Amino acid sequence: MSKTAILMCTKNGEKYVQEQVNSILKQKNTKIHLYISDDNSKDKTIKIIRELKKKNNNIKKIYAGKYGSAAKNFFF
């Protein structure tokens, strides 16, 4: 089975982040390693992601910082 590392950036995505993460983790024929970086969300995004991580060991790392833009978040 192949392995796939996915880098995901978030910011104030509480409305969609659970559905998005679940969709990524449901991929077949590959072992997903998901790394999530959040850019200082002011909503419940980080809380949702942390809860998902407790239930799924394919979420490898959560980074939380203040990057200031989507581009800087991706570069981090």
C-alpha atoms as a PDB file:
ATOM      1  CA  MET A   1       0.000   0.000   0.000  1.00  0.00           C
ATOM      2  CA  SER A   2       1.303   3.442  -0.861  1.00  0.00           C
ATOM      3  CA  LYS A   3       1.686   6.281   1.618  1.00  0.00           C
ATOM      4  CA  THR A   4       0.553   9.836   1.023  1.00  0.00           C
ATOM      5  CA  ALA A   5       1.461  12.876   3.124  1.00  0.00           C
ATOM      6  CA  ILE A   6      -1.092  15.671   2.950  1.00  0.00           C
ATOM      7  CA  LEU A   7      -0.361  19.185   4.172  1.00  0.00           C
ATOM      8  CA  MET A   8      -3.534  21.079   5.028  1.00  0.00           C
ATOM      9  CA  CYS A   9      -3.816  24.714   6.034  1.00  0.00           C
ATOM     10  CA  THR A  10      -6.796  26.098   7.925  1.00  0.00           C
ATOM     11  CA  LYS A  11      -8.145  29.408   9.142  1.00  0.00           C
ATOM     12  CA  ASN A  12     -11.595  29.940  10.619  1.00  0.00           C
ATOM     13  CA  GLY A  13     -12.889  26.808   8.919  1.00  0.00           C
ATOM     14  CA  GLU A  14     -15.116  25.362  11.626  1.00  0.00           C
ATOM     15  CA  LYS A  15     -18.043  25.065   9.232  1.00  0.00           C
ATOM     16  CA  TYR A  16     -16.227  22.721   6.818  1.00  0.00           C
ATOM     17  CA  VAL A  17     -13.080  21.365   8.485  1.00  0.00           C
ATOM     18  CA  GLN A  18     -14.585  18.170   9.888  1.00  0.00           C
ATOM     19  CA  GLU A  19     -16.105  17.201   6.541  1.00  0.00           C
ATOM     20  CA  GLN A  20     -12.869  18.049   4.741  1.00  0.00           C
ATOM     21  CA  VAL A  21     -10.659  16.037   7.107  1.00  0.00           C
ATOM     22  CA  ASN A  22     -13.012  13.057   7.019  1.00  0.00           C
ATOM     23  CA  SER A  23     -13.023  13.155   3.219  1.00  0.00           C
ATOM     24  CA  ILE A  24      -9.226  13.167   3.096  1.00  0.00           C
ATOM     25  CA  LEU A  25      -8.940  10.290   5.558  1.00  0.00           C
ATOM     26  CA  LYS A  26     -11.428   8.129   3.613  1.00  0.00           C
ATOM     27  CA  GLN A  27      -9.118   7.822   0.616  1.00  0.00           C
ATOM     28  CA  LYS A  28      -8.607   4.235  -0.457  1.00  0.00           C
ATOM     29  CA  ASN A  29      -5.471   2.340  -1.529  1.00  0.00           C
ATOM     30  CA  THR A  30      -3.119   4.683   0.315  1.00  0.00           C
ATOM     31  CA  LYS A  31      -2.112   5.298   3.891  1.00  0.00           C
ATOM     32  CA  ILE A  32      -2.755   8.952   4.683  1.00  0.00           C
ATOM     33  CA  HIS A  33      -0.470  10.999   6.918  1.00  0.00           C
ATOM     34  CA  LEU A  34      -2.239  14.322   7.492  1.00  0.00           C
ATOM     35  CA  TYR A  35      -0.390  17.376   8.805  1.00  0.00           C
ATOM     36  CA  ILE A  36      -2.527  20.421   9.596  1.00  0.00           C
ATOM     37  CA  SER A  37      -1.326  23.997  10.069  1.00  0.00           C
ATOM     38  CA  ASP A  38      -3.769  26.588  11.403  1.00  0.00           C
ATOM     39  CA  ASP A  39      -3.281  30.325  10.954  1.00  0.00           C
ATOM     40  CA  ASN A  40      -4.635  31.759  14.210  1.00  0.00           C
ATOM     41  CA  SER A  41      -8.284  30.745  13.783  1.00  0.00           C
ATOM     42  CA  LYS A  42     -10.719  32.715  15.922  1.00  0.00           C
ATOM     43  CA  ASP A  43     -13.457  30.068  15.741  1.00  0.00           C
ATOM     44  CA  LYS A  44     -13.555  26.410  16.824  1.00  0.00           C
ATOM     45  CA  THR A  45     -11.343  25.081  14.012  1.00  0.00           C
ATOM     46  CA  ILE A  46      -8.453  24.023  16.262  1.00  0.00           C
ATOM     47  CA  LYS A  47     -10.786  22.426  18.803  1.00  0.00           C
ATOM     48  CA  ILE A  48     -12.475  20.386  16.057  1.00  0.00           C
ATOM     49  CA  ILE A  49      -9.127  19.276  14.612  1.00  0.00           C
ATOM     50  CA  ARG A  50      -7.794  18.254  18.023  1.00  0.00           C
ATOM     51  CA  GLU A  51     -10.912  16.164  18.651  1.00  0.00           C
ATOM     52  CA  LEU A  52     -10.512  14.494  15.259  1.00  0.00           C
ATOM     53  CA  LYS A  53      -6.840  13.763  16.022  1.00  0.00           C
ATOM     54  CA  LYS A  54      -7.820  11.958  19.247  1.00  0.00           C
ATOM     55  CA  LYS A  55      -9.941   9.583  17.146  1.00  0.00           C
ATOM     56  CA  ASN A  56      -7.597   9.077  14.199  1.00  0.00           C
ATOM     57  CA  ASN A  57      -3.867   8.415  14.303  1.00  0.00           C
ATOM     58  CA  ASN A  58      -3.529   9.334  10.619  1.00  0.00           C
ATOM     59  CA  ILE A  59      -3.569  12.965  11.718  1.00  0.00           C
ATOM     60  CA  LYS A  60       0.105  13.164  12.543  1.00  0.00           C
ATOM     61  CA  LYS A  61       0.694  16.745  13.672  1.00  0.00           C
ATOM     62  CA  ILE A  62      -1.231  19.943  14.270  1.00  0.00           C
ATOM     63  CA  TYR A  63       0.605  23.230  14.077  1.00  0.00           C
ATOM     64  CA  ALA A  64      -0.989  26.426  15.346  1.00  0.00           C
ATOM     65  CA  GLY A  65       0.602  29.783  14.698  1.00  0.00           C
ATOM     66  CA  LYS A  66       0.048  33.287  13.467  1.00  0.00           C
ATOM     67  CA  TYR A  67       1.252  33.392   9.877  1.00  0.00           C
ATOM     68  CA  GLY A  68      -0.787  36.275   8.478  1.00  0.00           C
ATOM     69  CA  SER A  69      -1.588  34.840   5.062  1.00  0.00           C
ATOM     70  CA  ALA A  70      -2.436  31.600   3.296  1.00  0.00           C
ATOM     71  CA  ALA A  71       0.886  31.698   1.447  1.00  0.00           C
ATOM     72  CA  LYS A  72       2.923  32.082   4.658  1.00  0.00           C
ATOM     73  CA  ASN A  73       0.911  29.293   6.275  1.00  0.00           C
ATOM     74  CA  PHE A  74       1.711  26.948   3.371  1.00  0.00           C
ATOM     75  CA  PHE A  75       5.385  27.913   3.427  1.00  0.00           C
ATOM     76  CA  PHE A  76       5.556  27.161   7.146  1.00  0.00           C
END
